[in-house]
Amino acid sequence: MRGLVTVFGGSGFIGSQTVRALAKQGWRIRVAVRRPWQAYRLRMLGDVGQIEIVQANVRMVETVERALDGAEAVVYAAGTPFESGRQSFEIVRTLGPKAAAEGAARRRIQHFVFVSGIGATPDSGSKAARATAEGEAAVRAAIPGAVILRPSVVFGPEDAFFNKLAAMAVRTPVMPVFGAATRIQPVFVADVARAVAAALADPAAGRTFELGGPSIYTMRELTELTLAEIGHPRPLLPLSWDLAGMIGMAGDAIAFLRGPLPMLPEPPITSDQLALMKPDNVVSAGSPGLADLGVTAAALEPIIPTYLYRYRKGGQYADLAPPEALRA
């Protein structure tokens, strides 16, 4: 086996796929998560003893330090879609990667990958994007050779994008569309995970990669694609940013209440998520990407049917021909 890599946020959507990809490459993996009891399933992704689960909370630097002991490489893939309770963007996307990178630097760990996001700039209208940009700067200050990966919207079986669109379509007679003209370049979660593994296997010291799929869509096109896939035609209702902002404020209230009341459902959308949707979310011209890491980007259309079928009226077998047709 290879050496030990510590993965922060390894139980999350991108993190769990990253653990799978690293296990296939033969790394020993330490998954550092806030709630270890929710991550034990990850041990089945590798050989016996290859994957261990440890408790680490980025608000408590001493737990981050313990998770780094003995590691030869670090992946920081922790994130939060909205602020709730003590889980703020600053803590998860700025102070967390800063603590991990500084701890790694003290241990002379040079292989560090930070999973960021397209649009992470200091002047972004999104608080999450600004916090992530500060996290990038902190990582680079501690480890100049760190690799930063900036994916576009990430899709896959447990995503918070297509699943949320489909769930909304099932419940509403009219489908609201936020940022109808915004351009997005969705990237498959397994491709992001393979990019992380490639960056550790053959470190591209100090480089930033923007990760996008093979095609670019508008938000309206992605909404139409989702409706067609689940078989729920709905009239589209493009919303102005002002009206969308009112819905975002309602989402902010739900997110705030989830701090003391975690049993509440997740907000449909928040003000900060709307701010992320205003600019295009596509790979910059000339930016290094998946191909430079040896990863071929998977297309969207063949993959989303493998998990959006759950929203069809007839479920997985909704499109099967009737028995009479099969006997003909």
C-alpha atoms as a PDB file:
ATOM      1  CA  MET A   1       0.000   0.000   0.000  1.00  0.00           C
ATOM      2  CA  ARG A   2       0.939   3.657  -0.366  1.00  0.00           C
ATOM      3  CA  GLY A   3       1.338   5.980   2.599  1.00  0.00           C
ATOM      4  CA  LEU A   4      -1.363   7.473   4.802  1.00  0.00           C
ATOM      5  CA  VAL A   5      -3.605  10.262   3.527  1.00  0.00           C
ATOM      6  CA  THR A   6      -5.942  12.202   5.821  1.00  0.00           C
ATOM      7  CA  VAL A   7      -9.227  13.227   4.201  1.00  0.00           C
ATOM      8  CA  PHE A   8     -11.189  15.981   5.945  1.00  0.00           C
ATOM      9  CA  GLY A   9     -14.864  15.889   5.051  1.00  0.00           C
ATOM     10  CA  GLY A  10     -14.551  12.298   3.846  1.00  0.00           C
ATOM     11  CA  SER A  11     -18.157  11.418   4.676  1.00  0.00           C
ATOM     12  CA  GLY A  12     -19.587  14.139   2.424  1.00  0.00           C
ATOM     13  CA  PHE A  13     -20.791  13.964  -1.160  1.00  0.00           C
ATOM     14  CA  ILE A  14     -17.404  14.633  -2.770  1.00  0.00           C
ATOM     15  CA  GLY A  15     -15.379  13.303   0.143  1.00  0.00           C
ATOM     16  CA  SER A  16     -16.866   9.792   0.115  1.00  0.00           C
ATOM     17  CA  GLN A  17     -16.167   9.405  -3.599  1.00  0.00           C
ATOM     18  CA  THR A  18     -12.644  10.679  -2.972  1.00  0.00           C
ATOM     19  CA  VAL A  19     -12.141   7.990  -0.328  1.00  0.00           C
ATOM     20  CA  ARG A  20     -13.246   5.375  -2.869  1.00  0.00           C
ATOM     21  CA  ALA A  21     -10.836   6.681  -5.523  1.00  0.00           C
ATOM     22  CA  LEU A  22      -7.898   6.829  -3.111  1.00  0.00           C
ATOM     23  CA  ALA A  23      -8.614   3.318  -1.841  1.00  0.00           C
ATOM     24  CA  LYS A  24      -8.443   2.010  -5.410  1.00  0.00           C
ATOM     25  CA  GLN A  25      -5.006   3.600  -5.746  1.00  0.00           C
ATOM     26  CA  GLY A  26      -3.800   1.767  -2.663  1.00  0.00           C
ATOM     27  CA  TRP A  27      -3.555   4.627  -0.164  1.00  0.00           C
ATOM     28  CA  ARG A  28      -4.138   4.010   3.507  1.00  0.00           C
ATOM     29  CA  ILE A  29      -6.863   6.482   4.407  1.00  0.00           C
ATOM     30  CA  ARG A  30      -7.779   8.284   7.591  1.00  0.00           C
ATOM     31  CA  VAL A  31     -11.238   9.836   7.269  1.00  0.00           C
ATOM     32  CA  ALA A  32     -11.545  12.839   9.614  1.00  0.00           C
ATOM     33  CA  VAL A  33     -15.173  13.748  10.305  1.00  0.00           C
ATOM     34  CA  ARG A  34     -17.267  15.479  12.952  1.00  0.00           C
ATOM     35  CA  ARG A  35     -19.610  12.511  13.440  1.00  0.00           C
ATOM     36  CA  PRO A  36     -17.638   9.254  13.090  1.00  0.00           C
ATOM     37  CA  TRP A  37     -20.731   7.108  13.673  1.00  0.00           C
ATOM     38  CA  GLN A  38     -22.136   8.385  10.365  1.00  0.00           C
ATOM     39  CA  ALA A  39     -19.029   7.394   8.407  1.00  0.00           C
ATOM     40  CA  TYR A  40     -18.301   3.776   9.327  1.00  0.00           C
ATOM     41  CA  ARG A  41     -19.831   2.582   6.036  1.00  0.00           C
ATOM     42  CA  LEU A  42     -16.788   4.080   4.305  1.00  0.00           C
ATOM     43  CA  ARG A  43     -14.592   1.296   5.665  1.00  0.00           C
ATOM     44  CA  MET A  44     -16.265  -1.061   3.188  1.00  0.00           C
ATOM     45  CA  LEU A  45     -14.763   0.920   0.293  1.00  0.00           C
ATOM     46  CA  GLY A  46     -11.310  -0.545   0.896  1.00  0.00           C
ATOM     47  CA  ASP A  47      -9.523  -3.663   2.115  1.00  0.00           C
ATOM     48  CA  VAL A  48      -9.574  -4.708   5.747  1.00  0.00           C
ATOM     49  CA  GLY A  49      -7.748  -2.078   7.776  1.00  0.00           C
ATOM     50  CA  GLN A  50      -7.157   0.226   4.816  1.00  0.00           C
ATOM     51  CA  ILE A  51      -9.635   2.907   5.945  1.00  0.00           C
ATOM     52  CA  GLU A  52      -9.953   4.256   9.482  1.00  0.00           C
ATOM     53  CA  ILE A  53     -12.475   6.751  10.803  1.00  0.00           C
ATOM     54  CA  VAL A  54     -11.445   9.405  13.333  1.00  0.00           C
ATOM     55  CA  GLN A  55     -13.231  12.303  14.973  1.00  0.00           C
ATOM     56  CA  ALA A  56     -12.097  15.781  13.994  1.00  0.00           C
ATOM     57  CA  ASN A  57     -13.890  19.086  14.249  1.00  0.00           C
ATOM     58  CA  VAL A  58     -12.328  22.023  12.406  1.00  0.00           C
ATOM     59  CA  ARG A  59     -13.530  24.306  15.220  1.00  0.00           C
ATOM     60  CA  MET A  60     -11.148  22.425  17.523  1.00  0.00           C
ATOM     61  CA  VAL A  61      -7.615  22.718  16.163  1.00  0.00           C
ATOM     62  CA  GLU A  62      -6.276  19.997  18.475  1.00  0.00           C
ATOM     63  CA  THR A  63      -8.515  17.405  16.772  1.00  0.00           C
ATOM     64  CA  VAL A  64      -7.280  18.558  13.355  1.00  0.00           C
ATOM     65  CA  GLU A  65      -3.695  18.172  14.571  1.00  0.00           C
ATOM     66  CA  ARG A  66      -4.319  14.633  15.815  1.00  0.00           C
ATOM     67  CA  ALA A  67      -5.870  13.653  12.499  1.00  0.00           C
ATOM     68  CA  LEU A  68      -2.664  14.720  10.711  1.00  0.00           C
ATOM     69  CA  ASP A  69      -0.224  12.676  12.814  1.00  0.00           C
ATOM     70  CA  GLY A  70       1.645  10.205  10.633  1.00  0.00           C
ATOM     71  CA  ALA A  71       0.041  11.337   7.377  1.00  0.00           C
ATOM     72  CA  GLU A  72       1.998  11.812   4.151  1.00  0.00           C
ATOM     73  CA  ALA A  73      -0.764  13.631   2.278  1.00  0.00           C
ATOM     74  CA  VAL A  74      -3.905  15.629   3.046  1.00  0.00           C
ATOM     75  CA  VAL A  75      -7.178  16.235   1.213  1.00  0.00           C
ATOM     76  CA  TYR A  76      -9.525  18.949   2.463  1.00  0.00           C
ATOM     77  CA  ALA A  77     -13.006  18.353   1.054  1.00  0.00           C
ATOM     78  CA  ALA A  78     -15.193  19.593   3.914  1.00  0.00           C
ATOM     79  CA  GLY A  79     -17.966  22.019   3.063  1.00  0.00           C
ATOM     80  CA  THR A  80     -21.421  23.206   3.996  1.00  0.00           C
ATOM     81  CA  PRO A  81     -24.181  24.330   1.600  1.00  0.00           C
ATOM     82  CA  PHE A  82     -25.501  26.919   4.060  1.00  0.00           C
ATOM     83  CA  GLU A  83     -24.682  28.351   7.450  1.00  0.00           C
ATOM     84  CA  SER A  84     -26.522  26.848  10.385  1.00  0.00           C
ATOM     85  CA  GLY A  85     -25.714  26.928  14.067  1.00  0.00           C
ATOM     86  CA  ARG A  86     -21.947  26.919  14.560  1.00  0.00           C
ATOM     87  CA  GLN A  87     -21.258  25.653  11.050  1.00  0.00           C
ATOM     88  CA  SER A  88     -20.340  28.940   9.379  1.00  0.00           C
ATOM     89  CA  PHE A  89     -18.648  29.412   6.012  1.00  0.00           C
ATOM     90  CA  GLU A  90     -15.722  31.074   7.763  1.00  0.00           C
ATOM     91  CA  ILE A  91     -15.127  28.078  10.006  1.00  0.00           C
ATOM     92  CA  VAL A  92     -15.603  25.349   7.392  1.00  0.00           C
ATOM     93  CA  ARG A  93     -14.127  27.021   4.299  1.00  0.00           C
ATOM     94  CA  THR A  94     -11.516  29.408   5.753  1.00  0.00           C
ATOM     95  CA  LEU A  95     -10.362  28.422   9.223  1.00  0.00           C
ATOM     96  CA  GLY A  96     -10.693  24.676   8.576  1.00  0.00           C
ATOM     97  CA  PRO A  97      -8.388  24.478   5.542  1.00  0.00           C
ATOM     98  CA  LYS A  98      -6.061  27.002   7.220  1.00  0.00           C
ATOM     99  CA  ALA A  99      -5.709  24.797  10.303  1.00  0.00           C
ATOM    100  CA  ALA A 100      -5.228  21.668   8.194  1.00  0.00           C
ATOM    101  CA  ALA A 101      -2.618  23.290   5.929  1.00  0.00           C
ATOM    102  CA  GLU A 102      -0.662  24.867   8.786  1.00  0.00           C
ATOM    103  CA  GLY A 103      -0.682  21.579  10.691  1.00  0.00           C
ATOM    104  CA  ALA A 104       0.489  19.774   7.563  1.00  0.00           C
ATOM    105  CA  ALA A 105       3.270  22.321   7.017  1.00  0.00           C
ATOM    106  CA  ARG A 106       4.550  21.812  10.569  1.00  0.00           C
ATOM    107  CA  ARG A 107       4.781  18.080   9.802  1.00  0.00           C
ATOM    108  CA  ARG A 108       6.511  18.787   6.481  1.00  0.00           C
ATOM    109  CA  ILE A 109       3.597  17.286   4.528  1.00  0.00           C
ATOM    110  CA  GLN A 110       3.836  18.721   1.033  1.00  0.00           C
ATOM    111  CA  HIS A 111       1.066  16.781  -0.743  1.00  0.00           C
ATOM    112  CA  PHE A 112      -2.076  18.814  -0.028  1.00  0.00           C
ATOM    113  CA  VAL A 113      -5.254  19.068  -2.139  1.00  0.00           C
ATOM    114  CA  PHE A 114      -7.985  21.599  -1.364  1.00  0.00           C
ATOM    115  CA  VAL A 115     -11.364  21.055  -3.040  1.00  0.00           C
ATOM    116  CA  SER A 116     -12.594  24.601  -3.621  1.00  0.00           C
ATOM    117  CA  GLY A 117     -15.109  25.738  -6.259  1.00  0.00           C
ATOM    118  CA  ILE A 118     -15.422  27.826  -9.402  1.00  0.00           C
ATOM    119  CA  GLY A 119     -16.277  31.389  -8.443  1.00  0.00           C
ATOM    120  CA  ALA A 120     -14.190  31.430  -5.264  1.00  0.00           C
ATOM    121  CA  THR A 121     -12.980  35.031  -5.435  1.00  0.00           C
ATOM    122  CA  PRO A 122     -12.473  37.709  -2.761  1.00  0.00           C
ATOM    123  CA  ASP A 123     -14.980  40.029  -4.471  1.00  0.00           C
ATOM    124  CA  SER A 124     -17.766  37.473  -4.985  1.00  0.00           C
ATOM    125  CA  GLY A 125     -21.294  38.393  -3.987  1.00  0.00           C
ATOM    126  CA  SER A 126     -21.463  35.064  -2.158  1.00  0.00           C
ATOM    127  CA  LYS A 127     -20.213  34.801   1.407  1.00  0.00           C
ATOM    128  CA  ALA A 128     -19.388  31.122   0.833  1.00  0.00           C
ATOM    129  CA  ALA A 129     -17.275  31.945  -2.233  1.00  0.00           C
ATOM    130  CA  ARG A 130     -15.407  34.708  -0.392  1.00  0.00           C
ATOM    131  CA  ALA A 131     -14.706  32.388   2.549  1.00  0.00           C
ATOM    132  CA  THR A 132     -13.447  29.710   0.164  1.00  0.00           C
ATOM    133  CA  ALA A 133     -11.146  32.224  -1.559  1.00  0.00           C
ATOM    134  CA  GLU A 134      -9.702  33.110   1.844  1.00  0.00           C
ATOM    135  CA  GLY A 135      -9.250  29.394   2.502  1.00  0.00           C
ATOM    136  CA  GLU A 136      -7.352  29.027  -0.772  1.00  0.00           C
ATOM    137  CA  ALA A 137      -5.044  31.906   0.183  1.00  0.00           C
ATOM    138  CA  ALA A 138      -4.424  30.413   3.634  1.00  0.00           C
ATOM    139  CA  VAL A 139      -3.599  27.006   2.167  1.00  0.00           C
ATOM    140  CA  ARG A 140      -1.181  28.493  -0.361  1.00  0.00           C
ATOM    141  CA  ALA A 141       0.480  30.619   2.333  1.00  0.00           C
ATOM    142  CA  ALA A 142       1.140  27.530   4.443  1.00  0.00           C
ATOM    143  CA  ILE A 143       1.965  25.118   1.585  1.00  0.00           C
ATOM    144  CA  PRO A 144       2.911  26.920  -1.655  1.00  0.00           C
ATOM    145  CA  GLY A 145       2.903  23.621  -3.546  1.00  0.00           C
ATOM    146  CA  ALA A 146      -0.687  22.751  -2.603  1.00  0.00           C
ATOM    147  CA  VAL A 147      -3.059  21.791  -5.429  1.00  0.00           C
ATOM    148  CA  ILE A 148      -6.419  23.570  -5.581  1.00  0.00           C
ATOM    149  CA  LEU A 149      -9.333  22.006  -7.450  1.00  0.00           C
ATOM    150  CA  ARG A 150     -12.285  24.203  -8.372  1.00  0.00           C
ATOM    151  CA  PRO A 151     -15.240  22.138  -9.623  1.00  0.00           C
ATOM    152  CA  SER A 152     -18.356  23.588 -11.186  1.00  0.00           C
ATOM    153  CA  VAL A 153     -21.730  22.253  -9.981  1.00  0.00           C
ATOM    154  CA  VAL A 154     -21.073  18.625  -9.013  1.00  0.00           C
ATOM    155  CA  PHE A 155     -23.658  15.984  -9.884  1.00  0.00           C
ATOM    156  CA  GLY A 156     -24.106  12.371  -8.850  1.00  0.00           C
ATOM    157  CA  PRO A 157     -26.504  10.097  -6.930  1.00  0.00           C
ATOM    158  CA  GLU A 158     -26.484  12.118  -3.702  1.00  0.00           C
ATOM    159  CA  ASP A 159     -26.129  15.588  -5.213  1.00  0.00           C
ATOM    160  CA  ALA A 160     -27.919  18.653  -3.890  1.00  0.00           C
ATOM    161  CA  PHE A 161     -28.607  20.022  -7.362  1.00  0.00           C
ATOM    162  CA  PHE A 162     -30.598  17.660  -9.580  1.00  0.00           C
ATOM    163  CA  ASN A 163     -32.158  15.906  -6.605  1.00  0.00           C
ATOM    164  CA  LYS A 164     -33.383  19.242  -5.294  1.00  0.00           C
ATOM    165  CA  LEU A 165     -34.767  20.274  -8.692  1.00  0.00           C
ATOM    166  CA  ALA A 166     -36.559  16.944  -9.077  1.00  0.00           C
ATOM    167  CA  ALA A 167     -38.008  17.025  -5.564  1.00  0.00           C
ATOM    168  CA  MET A 168     -39.307  20.545  -6.171  1.00  0.00           C
ATOM    169  CA  ALA A 169     -40.915  19.503  -9.463  1.00  0.00           C
ATOM    170  CA  VAL A 170     -42.777  16.653  -7.798  1.00  0.00           C
ATOM    171  CA  ARG A 171     -44.270  18.974  -5.179  1.00  0.00           C
ATOM    172  CA  THR A 172     -45.160  22.077  -7.194  1.00  0.00           C
ATOM    173  CA  PRO A 173     -47.603  22.639 -10.068  1.00  0.00           C
ATOM    174  CA  VAL A 174     -45.358  25.344 -11.546  1.00  0.00           C
ATOM    175  CA  MET A 175     -41.571  25.047 -11.695  1.00  0.00           C
ATOM    176  CA  PRO A 176     -39.717  28.179 -10.554  1.00  0.00           C
ATOM    177  CA  VAL A 177     -36.416  28.836 -12.335  1.00  0.00           C
ATOM    178  CA  PHE A 178     -33.705  30.807 -10.576  1.00  0.00           C
ATOM    179  CA  GLY A 179     -31.134  32.482 -12.826  1.00  0.00           C
ATOM    180  CA  ALA A 180     -32.567  31.035 -16.040  1.00  0.00           C
ATOM    181  CA  ALA A 181     -29.754  32.367 -18.238  1.00  0.00           C
ATOM    182  CA  THR A 182     -26.855  31.481 -15.920  1.00  0.00           C
ATOM    183  CA  ARG A 183     -24.429  29.083 -17.626  1.00  0.00           C
ATOM    184  CA  ILE A 184     -23.281  25.990 -15.719  1.00  0.00           C
ATOM    185  CA  GLN A 185     -20.793  23.236 -16.587  1.00  0.00           C
ATOM    186  CA  PRO A 186     -21.802  20.272 -14.373  1.00  0.00           C
ATOM    187  CA  VAL A 187     -19.052  17.801 -13.473  1.00  0.00           C
ATOM    188  CA  PHE A 188     -19.533  14.198 -12.327  1.00  0.00           C
ATOM    189  CA  VAL A 189     -18.593  13.582  -8.691  1.00  0.00           C
ATOM    190  CA  ALA A 190     -16.512  10.508  -9.562  1.00  0.00           C
ATOM    191  CA  ASP A 191     -14.468  12.641 -11.980  1.00  0.00           C
ATOM    192  CA  VAL A 192     -13.749  15.133  -9.210  1.00  0.00           C
ATOM    193  CA  ALA A 193     -12.659  12.262  -6.963  1.00  0.00           C
ATOM    194  CA  ARG A 194     -10.378  10.887  -9.672  1.00  0.00           C
ATOM    195  CA  ALA A 195      -8.895  14.365 -10.083  1.00  0.00           C
ATOM    196  CA  VAL A 196      -8.063  14.455  -6.365  1.00  0.00           C
ATOM    197  CA  ALA A 197      -6.408  11.042  -6.574  1.00  0.00           C
ATOM    198  CA  ALA A 198      -4.464  12.085  -9.689  1.00  0.00           C
ATOM    199  CA  ALA A 199      -3.250  15.273  -8.010  1.00  0.00           C
ATOM    200  CA  LEU A 200      -1.828  13.208  -5.135  1.00  0.00           C
ATOM    201  CA  ALA A 201      -0.377  10.477  -7.330  1.00  0.00           C
ATOM    202  CA  ASP A 202       1.519  12.907  -9.551  1.00  0.00           C
ATOM    203  CA  PRO A 203       1.458  16.217  -7.690  1.00  0.00           C
ATOM    204  CA  ALA A 204       1.135  19.289  -9.904  1.00  0.00           C
ATOM    205  CA  ALA A 205       2.759  21.530  -7.333  1.00  0.00           C
ATOM    206  CA  GLY A 206       1.130  24.884  -6.786  1.00  0.00           C
ATOM    207  CA  ARG A 207      -1.394  24.627  -9.628  1.00  0.00           C
ATOM    208  CA  THR A 208      -5.095  25.428  -9.670  1.00  0.00           C
ATOM    209  CA  PHE A 209      -7.424  23.314 -11.806  1.00  0.00           C
ATOM    210  CA  GLU A 210     -10.986  24.216 -12.781  1.00  0.00           C
ATOM    211  CA  LEU A 211     -13.130  21.127 -13.248  1.00  0.00           C
ATOM    212  CA  GLY A 212     -16.129  21.036 -15.550  1.00  0.00           C
ATOM    213  CA  GLY A 213     -17.987  18.465 -17.600  1.00  0.00           C
ATOM    214  CA  PRO A 214     -17.946  18.227 -21.407  1.00  0.00           C
ATOM    215  CA  SER A 215     -21.022  20.458 -21.922  1.00  0.00           C
ATOM    216  CA  ILE A 216     -22.314  23.842 -20.802  1.00  0.00           C
ATOM    217  CA  TYR A 217     -26.020  24.448 -20.104  1.00  0.00           C
ATOM    218  CA  THR A 218     -28.179  27.307 -18.941  1.00  0.00           C
ATOM    219  CA  MET A 219     -30.088  26.911 -15.720  1.00  0.00           C
ATOM    220  CA  ARG A 220     -33.280  26.807 -17.741  1.00  0.00           C
ATOM    221  CA  GLU A 221     -31.943  23.944 -19.878  1.00  0.00           C
ATOM    222  CA  LEU A 222     -30.944  21.949 -16.807  1.00  0.00           C
ATOM    223  CA  THR A 223     -34.391  22.455 -15.313  1.00  0.00           C
ATOM    224  CA  GLU A 224     -36.052  21.280 -18.535  1.00  0.00           C
ATOM    225  CA  LEU A 225     -33.725  18.274 -18.674  1.00  0.00           C
ATOM    226  CA  THR A 226     -34.654  17.313 -15.111  1.00  0.00           C
ATOM    227  CA  LEU A 227     -38.392  17.605 -15.781  1.00  0.00           C
ATOM    228  CA  ALA A 228     -38.100  15.453 -18.903  1.00  0.00           C
ATOM    229  CA  GLU A 229     -36.076  12.811 -17.084  1.00  0.00           C
ATOM    230  CA  ILE A 230     -38.553  12.389 -14.227  1.00  0.00           C
ATOM    231  CA  GLY A 231     -41.618  12.604 -16.446  1.00  0.00           C
ATOM    232  CA  HIS A 232     -43.165  15.574 -14.640  1.00  0.00           C
ATOM    233  CA  PRO A 233     -43.868  18.297 -17.214  1.00  0.00           C
ATOM    234  CA  ARG A 234     -44.405  21.626 -15.510  1.00  0.00           C
ATOM    235  CA  PRO A 235     -44.823  25.185 -16.761  1.00  0.00           C
ATOM    236  CA  LEU A 236     -41.593  27.071 -16.119  1.00  0.00           C
ATOM    237  CA  LEU A 237     -41.734  30.269 -14.103  1.00  0.00           C
ATOM    238  CA  PRO A 238     -38.513  32.287 -14.470  1.00  0.00           C
ATOM    239  CA  LEU A 239     -38.152  34.472 -11.395  1.00  0.00           C
ATOM    240  CA  SER A 240     -36.619  37.908 -11.193  1.00  0.00           C
ATOM    241  CA  TRP A 241     -33.702  38.236  -8.813  1.00  0.00           C
ATOM    242  CA  ASP A 242     -35.830  40.421  -6.536  1.00  0.00           C
ATOM    243  CA  LEU A 243     -38.535  37.772  -6.205  1.00  0.00           C
ATOM    244  CA  ALA A 244     -35.960  35.015  -5.891  1.00  0.00           C
ATOM    245  CA  GLY A 245     -34.346  37.061  -3.132  1.00  0.00           C
ATOM    246  CA  MET A 246     -37.539  36.899  -1.083  1.00  0.00           C
ATOM    247  CA  ILE A 247     -37.536  33.100  -1.371  1.00  0.00           C
ATOM    248  CA  GLY A 248     -33.862  33.112  -0.410  1.00  0.00           C
ATOM    249  CA  MET A 249     -34.641  35.100   2.726  1.00  0.00           C
ATOM    250  CA  ALA A 250     -37.222  32.483   3.717  1.00  0.00           C
ATOM    251  CA  GLY A 251     -34.529  29.847   3.166  1.00  0.00           C
ATOM    252  CA  ASP A 252     -32.166  31.827   5.387  1.00  0.00           C
ATOM    253  CA  ALA A 253     -34.726  31.690   8.182  1.00  0.00           C
ATOM    254  CA  ILE A 254     -35.051  27.910   7.846  1.00  0.00           C
ATOM    255  CA  ALA A 255     -31.258  27.524   7.855  1.00  0.00           C
ATOM    256  CA  PHE A 256     -31.037  29.629  11.019  1.00  0.00           C
ATOM    257  CA  LEU A 257     -33.703  27.544  12.752  1.00  0.00           C
ATOM    258  CA  ARG A 258     -31.917  24.321  11.842  1.00  0.00           C
ATOM    259  CA  GLY A 259     -29.210  25.303  14.349  1.00  0.00           C
ATOM    260  CA  PRO A 260     -31.365  24.622  17.420  1.00  0.00           C
ATOM    261  CA  LEU A 261     -33.811  22.407  15.467  1.00  0.00           C
ATOM    262  CA  PRO A 262     -31.714  20.114  13.209  1.00  0.00           C
ATOM    263  CA  MET A 263     -34.746  17.954  12.461  1.00  0.00           C
ATOM    264  CA  LEU A 264     -36.148  20.674  10.190  1.00  0.00           C
ATOM    265  CA  PRO A 265     -35.865  20.093   6.422  1.00  0.00           C
ATOM    266  CA  GLU A 266     -33.081  21.796   4.498  1.00  0.00           C
ATOM    267  CA  PRO A 267     -34.001  25.160   2.953  1.00  0.00           C
ATOM    268  CA  PRO A 268     -34.934  24.996  -0.759  1.00  0.00           C
ATOM    269  CA  ILE A 269     -32.477  27.801  -1.467  1.00  0.00           C
ATOM    270  CA  THR A 270     -30.741  30.541   0.508  1.00  0.00           C
ATOM    271  CA  SER A 271     -29.707  34.088  -0.292  1.00  0.00           C
ATOM    272  CA  ASP A 272     -26.081  33.042  -0.510  1.00  0.00           C
ATOM    273  CA  GLN A 273     -26.857  30.210  -2.909  1.00  0.00           C
ATOM    274  CA  LEU A 274     -28.702  32.695  -5.113  1.00  0.00           C
ATOM    275  CA  ALA A 275     -25.632  34.934  -5.075  1.00  0.00           C
ATOM    276  CA  LEU A 276     -23.587  31.985  -6.320  1.00  0.00           C
ATOM    277  CA  MET A 277     -26.027  31.500  -9.199  1.00  0.00           C
ATOM    278  CA  LYS A 278     -25.801  35.025 -10.605  1.00  0.00           C
ATOM    279  CA  PRO A 279     -22.431  34.718 -12.404  1.00  0.00           C
ATOM    280  CA  ASP A 280     -21.745  31.897 -14.867  1.00  0.00           C
ATOM    281  CA  ASN A 281     -20.245  28.779 -13.301  1.00  0.00           C
ATOM    282  CA  VAL A 282     -18.016  27.496 -16.103  1.00  0.00           C
ATOM    283  CA  VAL A 283     -14.343  26.685 -16.576  1.00  0.00           C
ATOM    284  CA  SER A 284     -12.263  29.746 -17.484  1.00  0.00           C
ATOM    285  CA  ALA A 285     -10.743  29.791 -20.959  1.00  0.00           C
ATOM    286  CA  GLY A 286      -7.245  28.328 -20.876  1.00  0.00           C
ATOM    287  CA  SER A 287      -7.526  27.045 -17.313  1.00  0.00           C
ATOM    288  CA  PRO A 288      -6.018  23.607 -16.566  1.00  0.00           C
ATOM    289  CA  GLY A 289      -8.772  21.067 -16.019  1.00  0.00           C
ATOM    290  CA  LEU A 290      -9.674  17.399 -15.840  1.00  0.00           C
ATOM    291  CA  ALA A 291      -7.788  16.471 -18.998  1.00  0.00           C
ATOM    292  CA  ASP A 292      -4.562  17.853 -17.529  1.00  0.00           C
ATOM    293  CA  LEU A 293      -5.004  15.424 -14.640  1.00  0.00           C
ATOM    294  CA  GLY A 294      -5.628  12.498 -16.975  1.00  0.00           C
ATOM    295  CA  VAL A 295      -9.384  12.370 -16.317  1.00  0.00           C
ATOM    296  CA  THR A 296     -11.923  12.135 -19.141  1.00  0.00           C
ATOM    297  CA  ALA A 297     -15.050  14.101 -18.227  1.00  0.00           C
ATOM    298  CA  ALA A 298     -18.254  12.053 -18.133  1.00  0.00           C
ATOM    299  CA  ALA A 299     -21.352  13.384 -19.870  1.00  0.00           C
ATOM    300  CA  LEU A 300     -24.382  14.366 -17.823  1.00  0.00           C
ATOM    301  CA  GLU A 301     -27.175  12.733 -19.831  1.00  0.00           C
ATOM    302  CA  PRO A 302     -26.270   9.033 -19.357  1.00  0.00           C
ATOM    303  CA  ILE A 303     -25.740   9.416 -15.602  1.00  0.00           C
ATOM    304  CA  ILE A 304     -28.662  11.355 -14.153  1.00  0.00           C
ATOM    305  CA  PRO A 305     -31.236   8.697 -15.164  1.00  0.00           C
ATOM    306  CA  THR A 306     -29.433   6.253 -12.863  1.00  0.00           C
ATOM    307  CA  TYR A 307     -30.622   8.153  -9.805  1.00  0.00           C
ATOM    308  CA  LEU A 308     -33.428  10.512 -10.832  1.00  0.00           C
ATOM    309  CA  TYR A 309     -35.697   7.544 -11.589  1.00  0.00           C
ATOM    310  CA  ARG A 310     -36.760   7.670  -7.935  1.00  0.00           C
ATOM    311  CA  TYR A 311     -38.804  10.794  -8.725  1.00  0.00           C
ATOM    312  CA  ARG A 312     -40.780   9.218 -11.573  1.00  0.00           C
ATOM    313  CA  LYS A 313     -44.360   8.284 -10.874  1.00  0.00           C
ATOM    314  CA  GLY A 314     -43.636   4.658 -11.695  1.00  0.00           C
ATOM    315  CA  GLY A 315     -40.174   4.617 -10.164  1.00  0.00           C
ATOM    316  CA  GLN A 316     -37.319   2.682 -11.692  1.00  0.00           C
ATOM    317  CA  TYR A 317     -39.529   0.693 -14.051  1.00  0.00           C
ATOM    318  CA  ALA A 318     -41.720   3.530 -15.281  1.00  0.00           C
ATOM    319  CA  ASP A 319     -40.439   3.249 -18.851  1.00  0.00           C
ATOM    320  CA  LEU A 320     -40.772  -0.521 -19.211  1.00  0.00           C
ATOM    321  CA  ALA A 321     -43.050  -1.699 -22.003  1.00  0.00           C
ATOM    322  CA  PRO A 322     -46.362  -3.312 -20.923  1.00  0.00           C
ATOM    323  CA  PRO A 323     -46.466  -7.137 -20.771  1.00  0.00           C
ATOM    324  CA  GLU A 324     -48.552  -7.321 -23.991  1.00  0.00           C
ATOM    325  CA  ALA A 325     -45.789  -5.548 -25.902  1.00  0.00           C
ATOM    326  CA  LEU A 326     -43.135  -7.875 -24.448  1.00  0.00           C
ATOM    327  CA  ARG A 327     -45.090 -10.947 -25.652  1.00  0.00           C
ATOM    328  CA  ALA A 328     -45.571  -9.571 -29.164  1.00  0.00           C
END
